[in-house]
Every structure is written in structure tokens, then in C-alpha cells.
Amino acid sequence: MQVSQYFSHQAGRHIEVPLESRARFGVGDVVRHKMFDFRGVVFDIDPIFANSEEWYESIPESIRPGRDQPFYHLFAESDDSYYVAYVSQQNLVSDGPAGPVDHPNIAEMFDDFANGRYVMRRALTH
């Protein structure tokens, strides 16, 4: 398998990743967690796990996701709070038809909500 280097700014380390990785969701997609009651908007994607070992080990082993799948950074919301979440692909399902997310940081990156997803601000696209 061919790999390339990926630098994780959060973890502060270099990680080897496959040259090809298939993300099920894209930036701007609205998703819901399969096990926990929250939903969010994807604002960044890591091709494989790129967070800290401490974070990974804090997940109970019985539900700990594999590292070799995309992980998504979300502007997340639950019934009583807003936060940023880091979630494996295996734990997410599409939730765009349920409507927009109310997270206060969405306006920093996205302009509109249309057809079940957010449109990235023009100034941030390349």
C-alpha cells in the first residue's frame, strides 16, 4: 500500500495515511451520531484518526472506532449545548433532511443552507 505523510496540527505529529481514502461525507454536510443524541455540520475531515492518544484511549474499548477511516470535525449541537466534536465515519449518518443546525460558529464558514447541506463561504473556497 502506498502512503503519504499527513501532519496533524491537533496531535502535533506526522501520521502515515493511504494515498486514497474515501470520505462518505463532505464539508457542509449535516450528520447525526448513530449512538449519541447529537448532530452537526462537517467543517473538516481527517483521512484517518489524527487526534491525541489520550483522546482515543478515553473512548471505552467496546465502542472505540478503528483508526483507519475518515474522522470528521463537526460544529455539533445537542438539546442543551453547542460544541466541536471529532467523530469516526462509522458513527455518522446523513441528517440533512432534518434541517439546519443552530451552532453559533456556522456563520464563520458557511453562507447558506440549501438542499440539506451548508454552502461554504466563497472567500474560504479555492
Protein backbone atom coordinates (compact mmCIF):
# COMPACT_ATOMS: atom_id res chain seq x y z
CA MET A 1 0.00 0.00 0.00
CA GLN A 2 1.31 3.44 -0.88
CA VAL A 3 1.20 6.01 1.90
CA SER A 4 1.91 9.70 2.30
CA GLN A 5 2.72 11.87 5.29
CA TYR A 6 -0.03 13.85 6.98
CA PHE A 7 0.68 16.35 9.75
CA SER A 8 -1.96 16.56 12.46
CA HIS A 9 -1.95 20.05 13.92
CA GLN A 10 -4.10 18.93 16.86
CA ALA A 11 -1.90 15.99 17.77
CA GLY A 12 1.34 17.70 16.72
CA ARG A 13 2.69 14.64 14.93
CA HIS A 14 3.19 13.15 11.48
CA ILE A 15 0.88 10.29 10.55
CA GLU A 16 1.15 7.95 7.57
CA VAL A 17 -2.07 7.75 5.58
CA PRO A 18 -3.11 5.86 2.45
CA LEU A 19 -2.80 7.88 -0.76
CA GLU A 20 -6.50 7.28 -1.28
CA SER A 21 -9.20 7.48 1.37
CA ARG A 22 -12.93 7.64 0.74
CA ALA A 23 -14.93 10.00 2.88
CA ARG A 24 -18.67 9.34 2.94
CA PHE A 25 -19.45 12.95 3.93
CA GLY A 26 -18.13 16.29 2.74
CA VAL A 27 -17.59 19.72 4.22
CA GLY A 28 -21.02 21.30 4.72
CA ASP A 29 -22.90 18.01 5.16
CA VAL A 30 -25.27 17.69 8.12
CA VAL A 31 -24.80 14.44 10.04
CA ARG A 32 -26.12 12.70 13.15
CA HIS A 33 -24.23 10.43 15.55
CA LYS A 34 -25.53 6.84 15.49
CA MET A 35 -25.18 6.20 19.24
CA PHE A 36 -25.31 9.60 20.92
CA ASP A 37 -28.00 12.23 20.64
CA PHE A 38 -26.28 14.99 18.69
CA ARG A 39 -25.99 16.23 15.14
CA GLY A 40 -23.63 18.61 13.42
CA VAL A 41 -22.11 20.15 10.32
CA VAL A 42 -18.85 18.79 8.88
CA PHE A 43 -16.22 21.55 8.72
CA ASP A 44 -13.05 19.48 8.29
CA ILE A 45 -12.05 15.89 7.53
CA ASP A 46 -9.02 13.82 8.55
CA PRO A 47 -8.39 10.86 6.20
CA ILE A 48 -7.60 8.68 9.25
CA PHE A 49 -7.57 9.23 13.01
CA ALA A 50 -5.37 12.24 13.80
CA ASN A 51 -6.29 13.24 17.35
CA SER A 52 -4.31 12.54 20.55
CA GLU A 53 -3.70 9.11 22.03
CA GLU A 54 -5.26 10.35 25.28
CA TRP A 55 -8.48 11.23 23.43
CA TYR A 56 -8.53 7.84 21.68
CA GLU A 57 -7.88 5.87 24.86
CA SER A 58 -10.66 7.77 26.67
CA ILE A 59 -13.25 6.03 24.46
CA PRO A 60 -14.48 2.79 26.06
CA GLU A 61 -12.81 -0.12 24.25
CA SER A 62 -16.15 -1.77 23.49
CA ILE A 63 -17.19 1.18 21.28
CA ARG A 64 -13.76 2.53 20.24
CA PRO A 65 -13.72 3.05 16.46
CA GLY A 66 -10.93 1.87 14.17
CA ARG A 67 -8.25 4.44 13.34
CA ASP A 68 -8.05 3.71 9.62
CA GLN A 69 -11.19 5.53 8.50
CA PRO A 70 -12.08 9.18 7.96
CA PHE A 71 -12.72 11.25 11.08
CA TYR A 72 -14.87 14.37 10.90
CA HIS A 73 -14.66 17.68 12.74
CA LEU A 74 -18.21 18.89 13.43
CA PHE A 75 -19.91 22.02 14.66
CA ALA A 76 -22.15 19.92 16.89
CA GLU A 77 -25.33 20.57 18.83
CA SER A 78 -27.38 18.64 21.35
CA ASP A 79 -30.58 19.69 23.08
CA ASP A 80 -28.67 21.77 25.63
CA SER A 81 -25.26 22.76 24.18
CA TYR A 82 -23.04 23.61 21.23
CA TYR A 83 -19.52 22.25 20.85
CA VAL A 84 -16.95 20.91 18.40
CA ALA A 85 -16.94 17.12 18.00
CA TYR A 86 -14.48 14.69 16.42
CA VAL A 87 -16.28 11.59 15.13
CA SER A 88 -15.38 8.49 13.12
CA GLN A 89 -17.13 7.81 9.84
CA GLN A 90 -18.63 4.55 11.17
CA ASN A 91 -20.57 6.50 13.80
CA LEU A 92 -22.26 9.02 11.49
CA VAL A 93 -25.34 9.03 9.28
CA SER A 94 -26.62 11.74 6.98
CA ASP A 95 -29.16 14.11 8.57
CA GLY A 96 -29.56 16.95 6.05
CA PRO A 97 -33.30 16.40 5.52
CA ALA A 98 -33.86 17.20 9.24
CA GLY A 99 -32.95 20.83 8.51
CA PRO A 100 -30.24 23.27 9.55
CA VAL A 101 -28.05 23.14 12.64
CA ASP A 102 -28.04 26.14 15.00
CA HIS A 103 -24.37 26.11 16.09
CA PRO A 104 -23.13 29.72 16.51
CA ASN A 105 -19.86 29.11 14.56
CA ILE A 106 -21.57 28.03 11.35
CA ALA A 107 -21.69 31.60 10.01
CA GLU A 108 -17.87 31.79 10.17
CA MET A 109 -17.53 29.13 7.46
CA PHE A 110 -20.84 28.78 5.67
CA ASP A 111 -23.24 31.12 3.86
CA ASP A 112 -26.44 29.23 3.14
CA PHE A 113 -28.26 26.03 3.94
CA ALA A 114 -29.65 24.57 0.71
CA ASN A 115 -30.73 21.08 -0.35
CA GLY A 116 -29.88 19.59 3.05
CA ARG A 117 -26.31 20.92 3.29
CA TYR A 118 -24.36 24.08 4.00
CA VAL A 119 -22.58 26.07 1.30
CA MET A 120 -19.06 27.16 2.21
CA ARG A 121 -18.38 30.90 2.22
CA ARG A 122 -16.96 31.89 -1.13
CA ALA A 123 -13.89 33.54 0.42
CA LEU A 124 -12.89 30.19 2.00
CA THR A 125 -13.07 28.06 -1.14
CA HIS A 126 -10.16 27.53 -3.50
